[in-house]
Amino acid sequence: MNSVQRPALSGLLLAAAGAIAFSGKAIIVKLSYRYGVDAVTVIMYRMLFALPLFIAMGVWAERQASARANPLTRRDVLDIIGLGFVGYYLSSYLDFLGLQFVTASLERLILYLNPTLVVLLGWAVYHKPIHPKRMWAMAVSYSGVLLVFSHELSFAGADVLLGSSLVFASALSYAVYLLYSGQLVQRIGALRLVGWATSVACVCCMVQFAVLRPLSAAVVPVEVLWLGVLNAVVCTVAPVLMVMMAIERIGAALTAQTGMMGPMATIALGVWVLNEPLNMWIGFGTLLVLGGVFIVSRYGSK
């Protein structure tokens, strides 16, 4: 294998590993709920264990920026706080709430509508025209989610409607983050933004727990603590780093397309670990969602 092929292969492997690792988040959250803890507690421990790693990421990126004489302005700090609240704290909390009511498979499919939401927000906020093929692709993706949603609704009832609404709100919140973070990323750098914005989200989650729960609620089974460590390291920090390294090697478009194996990994893990159902409705709905997202990615620059 020559030197040109190695970065491409390593980039693809990093993108795939990042997608699979991130897909495990829903599985770990569902496992944590089996021990009688709620979303506020689960997300607090996830962010508590992730905070030192994100601070280290931010400090390292800050030193790199200092070497280039690129300090943060007051406006940058306010933008980071706002984006951290909306894009990481609010999005994560709504997602964790939704996972109390829907399967990991449906959650991942709804979250995977994110690229279409970014397109729709760009049209609504910045009046960006939508390519006809992208409109068709979005219709395909949403039909896939509706197919799986209607199938689950017939079995689980109103809880699925509530959970799906919360997860969709999570996807919308993160789409707002992506829409407004573009210029800030160019100005301060991706690693710097992620490190500090996620640190803001971690603090928000811990403050939320302190306000909403008594201190005694922090006493949880040791299994919940280990699941929190696993969620923080393997399914939160590691995927962020792997995806960023993949983008450096193979670009954002190919990284995003490789990440399409994420929903497949979530479904497989859900069946294997959580004994969630696997049927033709989930399979066909997943193919529709991935097909639509692939077309949106393919025509992302048009």
Protein backbone atom coordinates (compact mmCIF):
# COMPACT_ATOMS: atom_id res chain seq x y z
CA MET A 1 0.00 0.00 0.00
CA ASN A 2 1.52 3.34 -1.05
CA SER A 3 1.71 6.53 1.03
CA VAL A 4 -1.26 8.10 -0.82
CA GLN A 5 -3.59 5.22 0.01
CA ARG A 6 -2.73 5.02 3.71
CA PRO A 7 -4.32 8.34 4.78
CA ALA A 8 -7.49 7.46 2.81
CA LEU A 9 -7.75 4.04 4.42
CA SER A 10 -7.03 5.37 7.90
CA GLY A 11 -9.58 8.13 7.34
CA LEU A 12 -12.27 5.65 6.35
CA LEU A 13 -11.47 3.44 9.35
CA LEU A 14 -11.60 6.44 11.70
CA ALA A 15 -14.92 7.61 10.24
CA ALA A 16 -16.38 4.12 10.56
CA ALA A 17 -15.10 3.67 14.10
CA GLY A 18 -16.43 7.08 15.10
CA ALA A 19 -19.87 6.32 13.70
CA ILE A 20 -20.04 2.95 15.46
CA ALA A 21 -18.76 4.34 18.77
CA PHE A 22 -21.22 7.22 18.72
CA SER A 23 -24.08 4.85 17.89
CA GLY A 24 -23.42 3.01 21.15
CA LYS A 25 -24.56 6.05 23.16
CA ALA A 26 -28.24 5.15 22.91
CA ILE A 27 -27.53 1.55 23.91
CA ILE A 28 -25.64 2.60 27.05
CA VAL A 29 -28.36 5.08 28.02
CA LYS A 30 -31.06 2.40 27.66
CA LEU A 31 -28.98 0.01 29.77
CA SER A 32 -28.60 2.70 32.46
CA TYR A 33 -32.37 3.17 32.65
CA ARG A 34 -32.71 -0.47 33.68
CA TYR A 35 -31.19 0.45 37.05
CA GLY A 36 -33.98 2.89 37.92
CA VAL A 37 -32.18 6.16 37.19
CA ASP A 38 -33.64 9.02 35.14
CA ALA A 39 -32.39 11.14 32.25
CA VAL A 40 -31.18 13.99 34.50
CA THR A 41 -28.93 11.62 36.46
CA VAL A 42 -27.66 9.65 33.47
CA ILE A 43 -26.66 12.72 31.48
CA MET A 44 -25.06 14.30 34.56
CA TYR A 45 -22.71 11.36 35.01
CA ARG A 46 -21.95 11.19 31.30
CA MET A 47 -20.94 14.85 31.25
CA LEU A 48 -19.16 14.71 34.62
CA PHE A 49 -16.80 12.01 33.38
CA ALA A 50 -16.38 13.69 29.97
CA LEU A 51 -15.67 17.19 31.34
CA PRO A 52 -11.93 16.71 32.15
CA LEU A 53 -11.33 15.31 28.67
CA PHE A 54 -13.15 18.17 26.95
CA ILE A 55 -11.32 20.77 29.07
CA ALA A 56 -8.02 19.13 28.09
CA MET A 57 -9.12 19.32 24.45
CA GLY A 58 -9.97 23.00 24.81
CA VAL A 59 -6.70 23.84 26.59
CA TRP A 60 -4.65 22.07 23.93
CA ALA A 61 -6.51 23.87 21.13
CA GLU A 62 -6.11 27.18 22.99
CA ARG A 63 -2.35 26.74 23.17
CA GLN A 64 -2.23 26.04 19.45
CA ALA A 65 -4.26 29.20 18.82
CA SER A 66 -2.01 31.25 21.11
CA ALA A 67 0.96 30.22 19.04
CA ARG A 68 -0.84 31.69 16.03
CA ALA A 69 -1.85 34.85 17.93
CA ASN A 70 -5.56 34.07 17.61
CA PRO A 71 -7.12 34.87 21.03
CA LEU A 72 -10.83 34.50 21.77
CA THR A 73 -12.82 37.73 21.72
CA ARG A 74 -15.73 38.51 24.06
CA ARG A 75 -18.10 37.81 21.17
CA ASP A 76 -16.43 34.44 20.59
CA VAL A 77 -16.91 33.49 24.24
CA LEU A 78 -20.60 34.44 24.16
CA ASP A 79 -21.09 32.49 20.93
CA ILE A 80 -19.39 29.43 22.43
CA ILE A 81 -21.64 29.58 25.51
CA GLY A 82 -24.77 29.92 23.38
CA LEU A 83 -23.83 27.15 20.97
CA GLY A 84 -22.73 24.88 23.82
CA PHE A 85 -26.11 25.35 25.49
CA VAL A 86 -28.20 24.77 22.36
CA GLY A 87 -26.07 22.32 20.42
CA TYR A 88 -24.72 20.06 23.14
CA TYR A 89 -26.63 20.53 26.39
CA LEU A 90 -30.20 21.00 25.13
CA SER A 91 -29.79 18.55 22.26
CA SER A 92 -28.32 15.84 24.52
CA TYR A 93 -30.88 16.30 27.29
CA LEU A 94 -33.86 16.10 24.92
CA ASP A 95 -32.33 13.01 23.34
CA PHE A 96 -31.84 11.30 26.72
CA LEU A 97 -35.44 12.13 27.67
CA GLY A 98 -36.74 10.69 24.42
CA LEU A 99 -34.81 7.46 24.88
CA GLN A 100 -37.01 6.70 27.88
CA PHE A 101 -39.92 6.16 25.50
CA VAL A 102 -38.58 4.91 22.14
CA THR A 103 -36.23 2.20 20.95
CA ALA A 104 -32.60 2.96 20.20
CA SER A 105 -33.26 2.14 16.53
CA LEU A 106 -36.01 4.73 16.10
CA GLU A 107 -33.98 7.31 18.05
CA ARG A 108 -31.01 6.92 15.71
CA LEU A 109 -33.19 7.20 12.60
CA ILE A 110 -34.79 10.43 13.84
CA LEU A 111 -31.42 11.93 14.72
CA TYR A 112 -30.18 11.01 11.26
CA LEU A 113 -32.67 13.47 9.78
CA ASN A 114 -30.25 16.17 10.96
CA PRO A 115 -28.79 16.98 7.50
CA THR A 116 -32.29 17.57 6.12
CA LEU A 117 -33.12 19.85 9.06
CA VAL A 118 -29.99 21.91 8.37
CA VAL A 119 -31.12 22.30 4.76
CA LEU A 120 -34.63 23.36 5.83
CA LEU A 121 -33.29 25.83 8.40
CA GLY A 122 -30.93 27.28 5.80
CA TRP A 123 -33.93 27.83 3.53
CA ALA A 124 -36.06 29.36 6.32
CA VAL A 125 -33.35 31.58 7.89
CA TYR A 126 -31.02 32.46 5.01
CA HIS A 127 -33.43 31.86 2.10
CA LYS A 128 -31.05 29.38 0.53
CA PRO A 129 -32.73 27.62 -2.41
CA ILE A 130 -33.23 23.87 -2.10
CA HIS A 131 -32.14 21.71 -5.03
CA PRO A 132 -35.12 19.66 -6.36
CA LYS A 133 -33.19 16.43 -5.84
CA ARG A 134 -32.58 17.37 -2.22
CA MET A 135 -36.31 17.99 -1.74
CA TRP A 136 -36.99 14.52 -3.09
CA ALA A 137 -34.27 13.07 -0.87
CA MET A 138 -35.77 14.69 2.23
CA ALA A 139 -39.16 13.24 1.39
CA VAL A 140 -37.56 9.79 1.13
CA SER A 141 -35.83 10.15 4.51
CA TYR A 142 -38.92 11.36 6.34
CA SER A 143 -41.04 8.59 4.84
CA GLY A 144 -38.56 6.08 6.28
CA VAL A 145 -38.83 7.56 9.78
CA LEU A 146 -42.62 7.73 9.53
CA LEU A 147 -42.72 4.07 8.49
CA VAL A 148 -40.79 2.92 11.57
CA PHE A 149 -42.63 5.42 13.79
CA SER A 150 -46.08 4.21 12.73
CA HIS A 151 -45.03 0.60 13.30
CA GLU A 152 -43.82 1.35 16.85
CA LEU A 153 -46.86 3.55 17.55
CA SER A 154 -49.20 0.62 16.89
CA PHE A 155 -47.46 -1.36 19.65
CA ALA A 156 -46.39 1.19 22.27
CA GLY A 157 -49.00 3.95 21.88
CA ALA A 158 -48.67 7.55 23.07
CA ASP A 159 -45.25 7.04 24.69
CA VAL A 160 -43.73 6.64 21.23
CA LEU A 161 -45.26 9.93 20.12
CA LEU A 162 -43.81 11.73 23.15
CA GLY A 163 -40.39 10.11 22.81
CA SER A 164 -40.20 10.73 19.06
CA SER A 165 -41.14 14.39 19.56
CA LEU A 166 -38.37 14.81 22.14
CA VAL A 167 -35.76 13.16 19.92
CA PHE A 168 -36.89 15.23 16.93
CA ALA A 169 -36.55 18.38 19.06
CA SER A 170 -33.04 17.18 19.91
CA ALA A 171 -32.19 16.83 16.23
CA LEU A 172 -33.62 20.29 15.54
CA SER A 173 -31.58 21.80 18.37
CA TYR A 174 -28.37 20.30 17.01
CA ALA A 175 -29.26 21.47 13.49
CA VAL A 176 -29.48 25.03 14.86
CA TYR A 177 -25.99 24.54 16.31
CA LEU A 178 -24.62 23.35 12.96
CA LEU A 179 -26.28 26.21 11.09
CA TYR A 180 -24.85 28.94 13.29
CA SER A 181 -21.46 27.40 14.08
CA GLY A 182 -20.04 27.58 10.55
CA GLN A 183 -18.51 31.06 10.76
CA LEU A 184 -17.29 30.50 14.32
CA VAL A 185 -15.52 27.28 13.32
CA GLN A 186 -13.69 29.12 10.56
CA ARG A 187 -12.64 31.85 12.98
CA ILE A 188 -11.50 29.85 16.03
CA GLY A 189 -11.12 26.25 14.75
CA ALA A 190 -13.22 23.11 15.11
CA LEU A 191 -11.32 21.47 17.97
CA ARG A 192 -11.34 24.68 19.98
CA LEU A 193 -15.09 25.15 19.51
CA VAL A 194 -15.91 21.54 20.36
CA GLY A 195 -13.67 21.51 23.43
CA TRP A 196 -15.13 24.66 25.01
CA ALA A 197 -18.75 24.28 23.81
CA THR A 198 -18.99 20.74 25.17
CA SER A 199 -17.40 21.92 28.43
CA VAL A 200 -20.21 24.48 28.70
CA ALA A 201 -22.74 21.69 28.13
CA CYS A 202 -21.11 19.54 30.81
CA VAL A 203 -21.43 22.35 33.36
CA CYS A 204 -25.08 22.91 32.35
CA CYS A 205 -25.88 19.24 32.94
CA MET A 206 -24.28 19.27 36.38
CA VAL A 207 -26.06 22.50 37.37
CA GLN A 208 -29.33 21.01 36.13
CA PHE A 209 -28.85 17.98 38.38
CA ALA A 210 -28.01 20.17 41.38
CA VAL A 211 -31.17 22.25 40.86
CA LEU A 212 -33.64 19.46 40.03
CA ARG A 213 -32.44 16.57 42.21
CA PRO A 214 -31.42 16.16 45.86
CA LEU A 215 -27.83 15.23 46.55
CA SER A 216 -28.96 11.73 47.53
CA ALA A 217 -29.97 11.09 43.91
CA ALA A 218 -26.27 11.00 43.03
CA VAL A 219 -26.03 7.66 44.88
CA VAL A 220 -26.57 5.15 42.08
CA PRO A 221 -25.64 1.51 41.45
CA VAL A 222 -21.98 1.08 40.53
CA GLU A 223 -23.07 -0.29 37.14
CA VAL A 224 -24.52 3.13 36.29
CA LEU A 225 -21.17 4.76 37.09
CA TRP A 226 -19.25 2.38 34.84
CA LEU A 227 -21.81 2.87 32.07
CA GLY A 228 -21.33 6.63 32.53
CA VAL A 229 -17.57 6.29 32.12
CA LEU A 230 -18.06 4.14 29.02
CA ASN A 231 -20.53 6.61 27.58
CA ALA A 232 -18.25 9.58 28.26
CA VAL A 233 -15.02 8.09 26.90
CA VAL A 234 -16.04 5.63 24.18
CA CYS A 235 -19.29 7.15 22.93
CA THR A 236 -18.72 10.88 23.48
CA VAL A 237 -15.09 12.04 23.45
CA ALA A 238 -13.53 9.33 21.27
CA PRO A 239 -16.03 9.71 18.37
CA VAL A 240 -15.50 13.48 18.30
CA LEU A 241 -11.75 13.04 17.92
CA MET A 242 -12.04 10.17 15.41
CA VAL A 243 -14.47 12.06 13.17
CA MET A 244 -12.31 15.19 13.21
CA MET A 245 -9.22 13.14 12.32
CA ALA A 246 -11.21 11.45 9.54
CA ILE A 247 -12.26 14.82 8.10
CA GLU A 248 -8.60 15.88 7.97
CA ARG A 249 -7.77 12.76 5.94
CA ILE A 250 -10.74 12.20 3.63
CA GLY A 251 -12.87 15.36 3.86
CA ALA A 252 -16.25 16.12 5.39
CA ALA A 253 -18.40 14.67 2.60
CA LEU A 254 -16.84 11.22 2.58
CA THR A 255 -16.72 11.19 6.39
CA ALA A 256 -20.44 11.96 6.51
CA GLN A 257 -21.25 9.22 4.01
CA THR A 258 -19.14 6.69 5.93
CA GLY A 259 -21.03 7.74 9.06
CA MET A 260 -24.20 6.32 7.53
CA MET A 261 -23.29 3.00 9.07
CA GLY A 262 -24.21 4.59 12.43
CA PRO A 263 -27.94 3.74 12.28
CA MET A 264 -27.09 0.21 11.13
CA ALA A 265 -24.73 -0.19 14.09
CA THR A 266 -27.39 1.12 16.49
CA ILE A 267 -29.96 -1.34 15.17
CA ALA A 268 -27.52 -4.25 15.39
CA LEU A 269 -26.47 -3.31 18.94
CA GLY A 270 -30.10 -2.79 19.94
CA VAL A 271 -31.02 -6.27 18.78
CA TRP A 272 -27.92 -7.87 20.30
CA VAL A 273 -27.69 -6.03 23.63
CA LEU A 274 -31.25 -4.81 24.33
CA ASN A 275 -33.23 -7.53 22.55
CA GLU A 276 -35.05 -4.89 20.52
CA PRO A 277 -37.15 -6.17 17.61
CA LEU A 278 -35.77 -6.41 14.09
CA ASN A 279 -38.31 -6.64 11.28
CA MET A 280 -38.82 -5.60 7.69
CA TRP A 281 -40.38 -2.27 8.72
CA ILE A 282 -37.24 -1.19 10.58
CA GLY A 283 -35.02 -2.50 7.79
CA PHE A 284 -36.95 -0.79 5.00
CA GLY A 285 -37.31 2.45 6.98
CA THR A 286 -33.58 2.50 7.64
CA LEU A 287 -32.79 2.08 3.96
CA LEU A 288 -35.11 4.97 3.10
CA VAL A 289 -33.50 7.26 5.69
CA LEU A 290 -29.97 6.39 4.61
CA GLY A 291 -30.87 6.73 0.94
CA GLY A 292 -32.31 10.18 1.49
CA VAL A 293 -29.33 11.33 3.56
CA PHE A 294 -26.93 10.00 0.91
CA ILE A 295 -28.67 12.08 -1.77
CA VAL A 296 -28.66 15.18 0.45
CA SER A 297 -24.92 14.69 1.02
CA ARG A 298 -24.33 14.03 -2.69
CA TYR A 299 -25.96 17.32 -3.68
CA GLY A 300 -24.81 19.26 -0.61
CA SER A 301 -22.95 21.83 -2.67
CA LYS A 302 -25.69 22.50 -5.19
